[in-house]
Amino acid sequence: MKICQAAQQFKKGALDEIQLRKNPSDVNQWFVMLRKQNGDLLMLADEQDEPIVDGDLTRLMGVLKSIGCKEARVFL
């Protein structure tokens, strides 16, 4: 899901949970999964539809805050 779509979904209350997960191909990086109320899991992507990954959880949380996220579940 593109970041602009995620922001709209937050405003509607259509997202059930935000998950921060380790990148399986690079354990030093994290990515974001969005769980919709119907149970679908979608990866957060930028406007070019590239997955948003980062090695710094603080920066990644800044991205999530910018779209309306107030909490996220971290999976190690």
N, C-alpha and C. Protein backbone atom coordinates (compact mmCIF):
# COMPACT_ATOMS: atom_id res chain seq x y z
N MET A 1 0.85 -1.17 0.00
CA MET A 1 0.00 0.00 0.00
C MET A 1 0.89 1.23 0.00
N LYS A 2 0.61 2.14 -0.92
CA LYS A 2 1.38 3.37 -1.00
C LYS A 2 1.11 4.23 0.23
N ILE A 3 2.10 5.03 0.59
CA ILE A 3 2.04 5.83 1.81
C ILE A 3 0.85 6.80 1.82
N CYS A 4 0.50 7.37 0.67
CA CYS A 4 -0.65 8.28 0.61
C CYS A 4 -1.96 7.52 0.86
N GLN A 5 -2.04 6.28 0.37
CA GLN A 5 -3.23 5.46 0.62
C GLN A 5 -3.32 5.08 2.10
N ALA A 6 -2.17 4.79 2.69
CA ALA A 6 -2.14 4.43 4.11
C ALA A 6 -2.63 5.58 4.97
N ALA A 7 -2.22 6.80 4.64
CA ALA A 7 -2.67 7.98 5.39
C ALA A 7 -4.19 8.11 5.31
N GLN A 8 -4.76 7.88 4.14
CA GLN A 8 -6.22 7.93 3.98
C GLN A 8 -6.90 6.84 4.79
N GLN A 9 -6.32 5.64 4.79
CA GLN A 9 -6.88 4.52 5.54
C GLN A 9 -6.85 4.79 7.05
N PHE A 10 -5.77 5.44 7.53
CA PHE A 10 -5.71 5.80 8.95
C PHE A 10 -6.84 6.76 9.31
N LYS A 11 -7.06 7.74 8.46
CA LYS A 11 -8.12 8.72 8.73
C LYS A 11 -9.49 8.07 8.78
N LYS A 12 -9.71 7.06 7.94
CA LYS A 12 -11.00 6.34 7.90
C LYS A 12 -11.14 5.34 9.05
N GLY A 13 -10.03 4.99 9.67
CA GLY A 13 -10.05 3.96 10.71
C GLY A 13 -10.09 2.56 10.14
N ALA A 14 -9.62 2.40 8.91
CA ALA A 14 -9.70 1.11 8.22
C ALA A 14 -8.50 0.20 8.50
N LEU A 15 -7.48 0.70 9.21
CA LEU A 15 -6.32 -0.12 9.52
C LEU A 15 -6.41 -0.61 10.95
N ASP A 16 -6.18 -1.90 11.12
CA ASP A 16 -6.34 -2.53 12.42
C ASP A 16 -5.04 -2.54 13.22
N GLU A 17 -3.92 -2.75 12.53
CA GLU A 17 -2.64 -2.87 13.24
C GLU A 17 -1.49 -2.53 12.31
N ILE A 18 -0.46 -1.93 12.89
CA ILE A 18 0.78 -1.64 12.17
C ILE A 18 1.86 -2.53 12.77
N GLN A 19 2.59 -3.21 11.90
CA GLN A 19 3.63 -4.13 12.35
C GLN A 19 4.97 -3.71 11.78
N LEU A 20 5.97 -3.67 12.63
CA LEU A 20 7.36 -3.46 12.21
C LEU A 20 8.05 -4.81 12.27
N ARG A 21 8.63 -5.22 11.15
CA ARG A 21 9.24 -6.54 11.06
C ARG A 21 10.66 -6.43 10.49
N LYS A 22 11.50 -7.39 10.87
CA LYS A 22 12.86 -7.47 10.32
C LYS A 22 12.77 -7.92 8.87
N ASN A 23 13.63 -7.34 8.05
CA ASN A 23 13.72 -7.73 6.65
C ASN A 23 14.40 -9.10 6.60
N PRO A 24 13.75 -10.13 6.06
CA PRO A 24 14.36 -11.46 6.06
C PRO A 24 15.64 -11.55 5.22
N SER A 25 15.79 -10.68 4.23
CA SER A 25 17.00 -10.72 3.41
C SER A 25 18.13 -9.86 3.98
N ASP A 26 17.83 -9.01 4.97
CA ASP A 26 18.84 -8.18 5.63
C ASP A 26 18.34 -7.88 7.04
N VAL A 27 18.80 -8.64 8.02
CA VAL A 27 18.29 -8.52 9.38
C VAL A 27 18.63 -7.19 10.05
N ASN A 28 19.41 -6.34 9.39
CA ASN A 28 19.71 -5.01 9.92
C ASN A 28 18.68 -3.97 9.47
N GLN A 29 17.71 -4.39 8.69
CA GLN A 29 16.68 -3.48 8.19
C GLN A 29 15.30 -3.92 8.67
N TRP A 30 14.40 -2.94 8.72
CA TRP A 30 13.02 -3.15 9.13
C TRP A 30 12.09 -2.72 8.01
N PHE A 31 10.90 -3.33 7.97
CA PHE A 31 9.86 -2.90 7.04
C PHE A 31 8.53 -2.86 7.77
N VAL A 32 7.53 -2.25 7.14
CA VAL A 32 6.24 -2.03 7.78
C VAL A 32 5.15 -2.84 7.08
N MET A 33 4.37 -3.56 7.88
CA MET A 33 3.19 -4.26 7.38
C MET A 33 1.96 -3.58 7.99
N LEU A 34 0.94 -3.40 7.17
CA LEU A 34 -0.32 -2.79 7.61
C LEU A 34 -1.40 -3.86 7.56
N ARG A 35 -2.09 -4.07 8.67
CA ARG A 35 -3.18 -5.05 8.68
C ARG A 35 -4.50 -4.30 8.64
N LYS A 36 -5.26 -4.60 7.59
CA LYS A 36 -6.57 -3.99 7.44
C LYS A 36 -7.57 -4.73 8.33
N GLN A 37 -8.72 -4.14 8.53
CA GLN A 37 -9.73 -4.74 9.39
C GLN A 37 -10.24 -6.08 8.85
N ASN A 38 -10.15 -6.29 7.54
CA ASN A 38 -10.59 -7.57 6.97
C ASN A 38 -9.52 -8.65 7.08
N GLY A 39 -8.35 -8.31 7.68
CA GLY A 39 -7.29 -9.28 7.89
C GLY A 39 -6.18 -9.24 6.86
N ASP A 40 -6.37 -8.52 5.75
CA ASP A 40 -5.34 -8.42 4.73
C ASP A 40 -4.10 -7.73 5.30
N LEU A 41 -2.92 -8.27 4.97
CA LEU A 41 -1.65 -7.65 5.35
C LEU A 41 -1.01 -7.06 4.10
N LEU A 42 -0.63 -5.79 4.18
CA LEU A 42 -0.02 -5.10 3.05
C LEU A 42 1.27 -4.42 3.50
N MET A 43 2.26 -4.43 2.63
CA MET A 43 3.52 -3.77 2.93
C MET A 43 3.41 -2.29 2.59
N LEU A 44 3.95 -1.44 3.45
CA LEU A 44 3.96 0.00 3.20
C LEU A 44 5.02 0.32 2.15
N ALA A 45 4.61 1.11 1.15
CA ALA A 45 5.51 1.46 0.04
C ALA A 45 5.50 2.97 -0.18
N ASP A 46 6.53 3.45 -0.86
CA ASP A 46 6.58 4.87 -1.21
C ASP A 46 5.72 5.12 -2.45
N GLU A 47 5.76 6.34 -2.96
CA GLU A 47 4.91 6.70 -4.10
C GLU A 47 5.34 6.02 -5.40
N GLN A 48 6.57 5.50 -5.45
CA GLN A 48 7.03 4.76 -6.62
C GLN A 48 6.77 3.26 -6.45
N ASP A 49 6.01 2.91 -5.41
CA ASP A 49 5.63 1.53 -5.09
C ASP A 49 6.82 0.66 -4.67
N GLU A 50 7.86 1.30 -4.12
CA GLU A 50 9.00 0.59 -3.57
C GLU A 50 8.78 0.40 -2.07
N PRO A 51 9.01 -0.79 -1.53
CA PRO A 51 8.82 -1.00 -0.09
C PRO A 51 9.68 -0.03 0.73
N ILE A 52 9.10 0.47 1.80
CA ILE A 52 9.83 1.36 2.70
C ILE A 52 10.56 0.49 3.72
N VAL A 53 11.89 0.52 3.66
CA VAL A 53 12.72 -0.23 4.60
C VAL A 53 13.75 0.73 5.18
N ASP A 54 14.16 0.47 6.42
CA ASP A 54 15.14 1.33 7.07
C ASP A 54 15.80 0.55 8.19
N GLY A 55 17.06 0.83 8.42
CA GLY A 55 17.78 0.21 9.52
C GLY A 55 17.59 0.93 10.83
N ASP A 56 16.98 2.10 10.80
CA ASP A 56 16.78 2.93 11.99
C ASP A 56 15.30 2.99 12.33
N LEU A 57 14.93 2.36 13.43
CA LEU A 57 13.52 2.35 13.85
C LEU A 57 12.99 3.74 14.16
N THR A 58 13.83 4.62 14.64
CA THR A 58 13.39 5.98 14.94
C THR A 58 12.94 6.70 13.67
N ARG A 59 13.73 6.59 12.60
CA ARG A 59 13.33 7.20 11.33
C ARG A 59 12.06 6.57 10.79
N LEU A 60 11.97 5.26 10.90
CA LEU A 60 10.78 4.55 10.41
C LEU A 60 9.54 4.97 11.18
N MET A 61 9.67 5.16 12.47
CA MET A 61 8.54 5.64 13.27
C MET A 61 8.16 7.06 12.88
N GLY A 62 9.14 7.87 12.49
CA GLY A 62 8.85 9.22 12.00
C GLY A 62 7.97 9.17 10.76
N VAL A 63 8.24 8.23 9.87
CA VAL A 63 7.41 8.05 8.67
C VAL A 63 6.00 7.66 9.08
N LEU A 64 5.90 6.73 10.01
CA LEU A 64 4.58 6.27 10.46
C LEU A 64 3.80 7.40 11.13
N LYS A 65 4.47 8.19 11.95
CA LYS A 65 3.80 9.33 12.59
C LYS A 65 3.27 10.31 11.55
N SER A 66 4.02 10.50 10.48
CA SER A 66 3.62 11.46 9.45
C SER A 66 2.33 11.06 8.74
N ILE A 67 1.97 9.78 8.79
CA ILE A 67 0.73 9.34 8.16
C ILE A 67 -0.39 9.06 9.17
N GLY A 68 -0.12 9.36 10.45
CA GLY A 68 -1.16 9.25 11.45
C GLY A 68 -1.03 8.10 12.43
N CYS A 69 0.00 7.31 12.31
CA CYS A 69 0.18 6.16 13.20
C CYS A 69 0.67 6.62 14.57
N LYS A 70 0.04 6.09 15.61
CA LYS A 70 0.45 6.45 16.97
C LYS A 70 1.11 5.29 17.70
N GLU A 71 0.93 4.07 17.19
CA GLU A 71 1.58 2.92 17.82
C GLU A 71 1.76 1.83 16.79
N ALA A 72 2.75 0.97 17.04
CA ALA A 72 3.05 -0.12 16.14
C ALA A 72 3.53 -1.31 16.96
N ARG A 73 3.31 -2.48 16.46
CA ARG A 73 3.75 -3.71 17.10
C ARG A 73 5.07 -4.12 16.45
N VAL A 74 6.09 -4.40 17.27
CA VAL A 74 7.40 -4.75 16.77
C VAL A 74 7.59 -6.27 16.87
N PHE A 75 7.96 -6.88 15.74
CA PHE A 75 8.25 -8.31 15.70
C PHE A 75 9.75 -8.49 15.50
N LEU A 76 10.39 -9.18 16.43
CA LEU A 76 11.84 -9.42 16.34
C LEU A 76 12.13 -10.69 15.60
